[in-house]
Amino acid sequence: MDISNEKAVQGLEVFAQNFHNDRVQELKDIKSFYQAENLQKIKAIAHKWKGYSAPYGFNTLEKLSIELENETIKENKLKVGELIEQIENYLNLKRKYLH
């Protein structure tokens, strides 16, 4: 996963670290919702993420969120679990690119 070219739009760079921290916290909620099999709450978060991730330089999160939302609609629990793991890996990797 090459994310080295993901950049926030001018003026939002200073908020990228806070944006990341907030998504890490919300990922904890997503994991809890997954354990509880509450795909509707996961869908709501994924929908929100897909709408505002790219401007903060989280282009891959936007793409993964679109997939996650679609898979929750299909009620594909296995794929939802895989996407949650991919998002977690992405956020861990993204941390290294923030300063």
Protein backbone atom coordinates (compact mmCIF):
# COMPACT_ATOMS: atom_id res chain seq x y z
CA MET A 1 0.00 0.00 0.00
CA ASP A 2 1.74 3.14 -1.22
CA ILE A 3 0.35 6.15 0.59
CA SER A 4 3.43 8.36 0.42
CA ASN A 5 1.76 10.72 -2.07
CA GLU A 6 -1.40 11.32 -0.02
CA LYS A 7 -1.50 15.00 0.91
CA ALA A 8 -4.07 17.21 2.59
CA VAL A 9 -5.45 20.16 0.67
CA GLN A 10 -3.79 23.44 1.46
CA GLY A 11 -4.89 24.74 4.84
CA LEU A 12 -5.96 21.36 6.23
CA GLU A 13 -2.45 19.95 6.74
CA VAL A 14 -2.35 21.23 10.31
CA PHE A 15 -5.44 19.17 11.13
CA ALA A 16 -4.22 15.85 9.66
CA GLN A 17 -2.87 14.51 12.96
CA ASN A 18 -6.11 15.29 14.81
CA PHE A 19 -8.09 13.79 11.93
CA HIS A 20 -6.01 10.62 12.23
CA ASN A 21 -6.47 10.42 16.00
CA ASP A 22 -10.24 10.82 15.66
CA ARG A 23 -10.40 8.02 13.07
CA VAL A 24 -8.39 5.71 15.33
CA GLN A 25 -10.92 6.35 18.10
CA GLU A 26 -13.84 5.73 15.76
CA LEU A 27 -12.21 2.52 14.56
CA LYS A 28 -12.52 1.24 18.13
CA ASP A 29 -16.26 1.93 17.88
CA ILE A 30 -16.42 0.15 14.53
CA LYS A 31 -14.75 -2.91 16.03
CA SER A 32 -17.27 -2.93 18.87
CA PHE A 33 -20.15 -2.58 16.42
CA TYR A 34 -18.70 -5.44 14.38
CA GLN A 35 -18.57 -7.68 17.44
CA ALA A 36 -22.18 -6.75 18.16
CA GLU A 37 -23.06 -7.38 14.49
CA ASN A 38 -24.41 -3.84 14.17
CA LEU A 39 -23.67 -3.20 10.52
CA GLN A 40 -25.93 -0.14 10.41
CA LYS A 41 -23.70 1.79 12.80
CA ILE A 42 -20.61 0.73 10.85
CA LYS A 43 -22.33 1.90 7.67
CA ALA A 44 -23.04 5.31 9.21
CA ILE A 45 -19.39 5.83 10.15
CA ALA A 46 -18.16 4.58 6.77
CA HIS A 47 -20.53 6.97 5.03
CA LYS A 48 -19.21 9.87 7.06
CA TRP A 49 -15.58 8.89 6.44
CA LYS A 50 -15.99 8.58 2.68
CA GLY A 51 -17.33 12.12 2.58
CA TYR A 52 -14.42 13.91 4.19
CA SER A 53 -11.28 11.76 4.25
CA ALA A 54 -9.64 12.85 0.98
CA PRO A 55 -9.35 16.59 1.77
CA TYR A 56 -7.32 15.70 4.88
CA GLY A 57 -4.98 13.54 2.79
CA PHE A 58 -6.59 10.19 3.62
CA ASN A 59 -7.40 9.11 0.07
CA THR A 60 -7.03 5.41 0.79
CA LEU A 61 -9.38 5.71 3.75
CA GLU A 62 -11.94 7.27 1.43
CA LYS A 63 -11.69 4.28 -0.94
CA LEU A 64 -11.82 1.73 1.88
CA SER A 65 -14.80 3.54 3.41
CA ILE A 66 -16.73 3.34 0.15
CA GLU A 67 -16.08 -0.40 0.05
CA LEU A 68 -16.98 -0.76 3.72
CA GLU A 69 -20.26 1.06 3.27
CA ASN A 70 -21.14 -1.08 0.24
CA GLU A 71 -20.35 -4.32 2.06
CA THR A 72 -22.45 -3.33 5.07
CA ILE A 73 -25.37 -2.73 2.70
CA LYS A 74 -24.82 -6.23 1.27
CA GLU A 75 -24.54 -7.56 4.84
CA ASN A 76 -21.31 -9.29 3.86
CA LYS A 77 -19.92 -9.72 7.38
CA LEU A 78 -16.78 -11.54 6.25
CA LYS A 79 -15.79 -8.77 3.84
CA VAL A 80 -16.70 -6.10 6.42
CA GLY A 81 -14.27 -7.75 8.85
CA GLU A 82 -11.54 -7.82 6.20
CA LEU A 83 -12.07 -4.15 5.42
CA ILE A 84 -11.93 -3.19 9.09
CA GLU A 85 -8.57 -4.93 9.27
CA GLN A 86 -7.36 -3.13 6.13
CA ILE A 87 -8.45 0.20 7.60
CA GLU A 88 -6.60 -0.53 10.83
CA ASN A 89 -3.44 -1.42 8.88
CA TYR A 90 -3.82 1.73 6.80
CA LEU A 91 -4.23 3.99 9.86
CA ASN A 92 -1.16 2.39 11.47
CA LEU A 93 0.86 3.00 8.31
CA LYS A 94 -0.50 6.52 7.87
CA ARG A 95 0.74 7.46 11.36
CA LYS A 96 4.32 7.23 10.03
CA TYR A 97 3.62 9.89 7.38
CA LEU A 98 2.16 12.46 9.75
CA HIS A 99 4.31 15.00 11.54
